[in-house]
Protein backbone atom coordinates (compact mmCIF):
# COMPACT_ATOMS: atom_id res chain seq x y z
CA MET A 1 -37.43 -25.87 -36.06
CA SER A 2 -39.21 -28.19 -38.43
CA LYS A 3 -41.97 -26.66 -40.52
CA LYS A 4 -44.45 -29.07 -38.91
CA LYS A 5 -43.48 -28.06 -35.36
CA ASP A 6 -43.36 -24.40 -36.37
CA SER A 7 -46.95 -24.69 -37.59
CA ILE A 8 -48.09 -26.41 -34.39
CA LEU A 9 -46.43 -23.71 -32.25
CA ASN A 10 -47.72 -20.86 -34.46
CA GLY A 11 -44.20 -19.68 -35.21
CA GLN A 12 -43.22 -19.30 -31.57
CA LEU A 13 -40.08 -20.59 -29.88
CA SER A 14 -41.82 -22.31 -26.99
CA PRO A 15 -40.28 -24.42 -24.25
CA SER A 16 -41.50 -27.94 -23.57
CA GLY A 17 -41.38 -27.45 -19.80
CA SER A 18 -42.39 -24.79 -17.32
CA GLN A 19 -39.64 -24.59 -14.69
CA PRO A 20 -36.50 -22.38 -14.71
CA LYS A 21 -34.78 -24.63 -12.14
CA VAL A 22 -34.90 -28.41 -11.93
CA THR A 23 -33.66 -31.21 -9.73
CA PRO A 24 -32.17 -34.16 -11.61
CA LEU A 25 -33.78 -37.50 -10.88
CA HIS A 26 -32.23 -40.92 -10.38
CA ASP A 27 -33.81 -42.19 -13.59
CA GLY A 28 -30.78 -43.27 -15.59
CA LYS A 29 -30.88 -40.24 -17.91
CA ILE A 30 -28.05 -38.30 -16.29
CA LYS A 31 -24.45 -39.29 -15.60
CA TYR A 32 -22.95 -38.79 -12.19
CA ASP A 33 -19.90 -37.03 -13.56
CA GLY A 34 -19.98 -33.83 -11.51
CA ARG A 35 -21.80 -31.73 -14.10
CA PHE A 36 -25.16 -31.81 -12.34
CA THR A 37 -25.38 -30.42 -8.82
CA TYR A 38 -27.39 -31.63 -5.88
CA GLY A 39 -30.84 -30.07 -5.68
CA GLU A 40 -32.64 -27.52 -7.80
CA SER A 41 -30.74 -25.10 -10.06
CA GLU A 42 -30.86 -23.33 -13.41
CA ASP A 43 -27.65 -25.03 -14.50
CA ASN A 44 -29.35 -28.39 -13.87
CA ALA A 45 -32.23 -27.23 -16.10
CA VAL A 46 -29.77 -26.30 -18.84
CA ARG A 47 -27.85 -29.56 -18.54
CA ALA A 48 -31.12 -31.51 -18.63
CA GLN A 49 -32.12 -29.59 -21.79
CA HIS A 50 -28.85 -30.72 -23.41
CA ILE A 51 -29.92 -34.33 -22.84
CA GLU A 52 -33.60 -34.06 -23.80
CA THR A 53 -35.93 -31.18 -24.57
CA GLY A 54 -38.02 -30.35 -21.51
CA LEU A 55 -36.36 -33.00 -19.34
CA TYR A 56 -37.54 -32.63 -15.71
CA ASP A 57 -39.96 -29.90 -16.89
CA GLY A 58 -37.23 -27.34 -17.62
CA CYS A 59 -38.32 -24.30 -19.63
CA TYR A 60 -35.14 -23.69 -21.61
CA VAL A 61 -35.05 -23.64 -25.41
CA SER A 62 -31.94 -24.85 -27.21
CA THR A 63 -30.25 -22.57 -29.73
CA THR A 64 -26.85 -22.64 -31.41
CA LYS A 65 -24.29 -20.09 -32.55
CA ASP A 66 -23.52 -22.22 -35.63
CA ALA A 67 -25.73 -21.78 -38.72
CA THR A 68 -24.94 -25.27 -40.04
CA ARG A 69 -25.99 -26.88 -36.74
CA ALA A 70 -29.10 -24.68 -36.72
CA ALA A 71 -30.07 -26.01 -40.15
CA PHE A 72 -29.39 -29.57 -38.99
CA PHE A 73 -31.73 -29.20 -36.02
CA ALA A 74 -34.33 -27.22 -37.99
CA THR A 75 -34.60 -30.03 -40.51
CA SER A 76 -34.76 -32.83 -37.90
CA SER A 77 -31.38 -34.16 -39.01
CA TYR A 78 -31.99 -33.31 -42.69
CA THR A 79 -35.23 -35.28 -42.94
CA GLU A 80 -37.76 -32.46 -43.44
CA GLN A 81 -37.92 -28.78 -44.30
CA GLY A 82 -37.53 -26.34 -41.45
CA TRP A 83 -37.09 -22.79 -40.25
CA VAL A 84 -33.98 -21.24 -38.77
CA TYR A 85 -34.62 -18.42 -36.32
CA VAL A 86 -31.93 -15.77 -35.96
CA LEU A 87 -31.89 -14.10 -32.56
CA ASP A 88 -30.25 -10.88 -31.38
CA PRO A 89 -28.64 -11.50 -27.97
CA SER A 90 -28.24 -7.75 -27.45
CA LEU A 91 -32.05 -7.63 -27.05
CA PHE A 92 -32.29 -10.43 -24.49
CA GLU A 93 -32.03 -8.30 -21.36
CA LYS A 94 -34.54 -5.75 -22.66
CA TYR A 95 -37.15 -8.45 -23.32
CA GLY A 96 -36.44 -10.66 -20.29
CA VAL A 97 -34.57 -13.52 -21.94
CA THR A 98 -32.04 -15.45 -19.88
CA SER A 99 -29.16 -17.02 -21.79
CA LYS A 100 -26.89 -19.82 -20.52
CA ASP A 101 -23.71 -20.98 -22.24
CA LEU A 102 -22.06 -23.67 -20.13
CA PRO A 103 -18.25 -24.00 -20.10
CA ASP A 104 -18.50 -27.81 -20.34
CA PRO A 105 -21.58 -28.69 -22.40
CA LEU A 106 -22.54 -32.29 -23.15
CA TYR A 107 -21.97 -31.77 -26.91
CA PRO A 108 -19.41 -28.97 -27.40
CA ASN A 109 -19.58 -29.15 -31.22
CA GLU A 110 -23.23 -28.05 -31.10
CA GLN A 111 -22.24 -24.63 -29.69
CA GLU A 112 -25.49 -24.69 -27.75
CA ILE A 113 -26.85 -21.64 -26.01
CA SER A 114 -29.88 -22.36 -23.84
CA ILE A 115 -32.40 -19.54 -23.47
CA ARG A 116 -35.64 -18.97 -21.60
CA ALA A 117 -38.20 -16.23 -21.22
CA SER A 118 -38.52 -14.65 -17.77
CA ASP A 119 -42.02 -16.15 -17.41
CA CYS A 120 -40.89 -19.54 -18.83
CA GLY A 121 -43.29 -19.05 -21.74
CA PRO A 122 -42.49 -18.52 -25.43
CA ILE A 123 -39.36 -16.54 -26.30
CA PRO A 124 -40.43 -12.94 -27.00
CA THR A 125 -40.71 -12.36 -30.75
CA GLU A 126 -38.90 -9.04 -30.36
CA VAL A 127 -35.55 -10.90 -30.06
CA ILE A 128 -36.12 -12.74 -33.36
CA VAL A 129 -34.53 -10.63 -36.08
CA GLU A 130 -34.78 -13.07 -38.98
CA LYS A 131 -36.43 -16.36 -39.87
CA TYR A 132 -35.48 -18.28 -42.98
CA GLU A 133 -36.55 -21.56 -44.51
CA VAL A 134 -34.14 -24.45 -45.13
CA ASP A 135 -34.63 -27.55 -47.27
CA ILE A 136 -33.77 -31.15 -46.33
CA ASN A 137 -30.16 -30.49 -47.34
CA GLY A 138 -29.93 -27.56 -44.95
CA LYS A 139 -29.81 -25.02 -47.79
CA ASN A 140 -31.72 -21.75 -47.64
CA ILE A 141 -34.89 -21.72 -49.71
């Protein structure tokens, strides 16, 4: 996450929305390609998150398994300094974090894993095992 956003959020991984399940709208943002399902679901919330953070008030937070992609996103496409958060998935269940890895994501190269806290609030800090700073080139500082 960018240093600016990290400062605003006080170092927390916070979702933009508040709902674990969403219903896609007929607003031109989604494609009718069979990926979204009719009605409210968690998969719809994850798919909406892949399109736009917090779309339809979903409470998922986007993460990636790829350190290079993490640096890219943390630096807002290499335009500002940022922070990369390293999470331990083995702690997710213990601290109430749901993780979704779709078999057919919108952008497969991003290796996106969408996560949310059980209360749809900030991701518990206990699952964050490391946080390191990256410069505008994506290099560790």
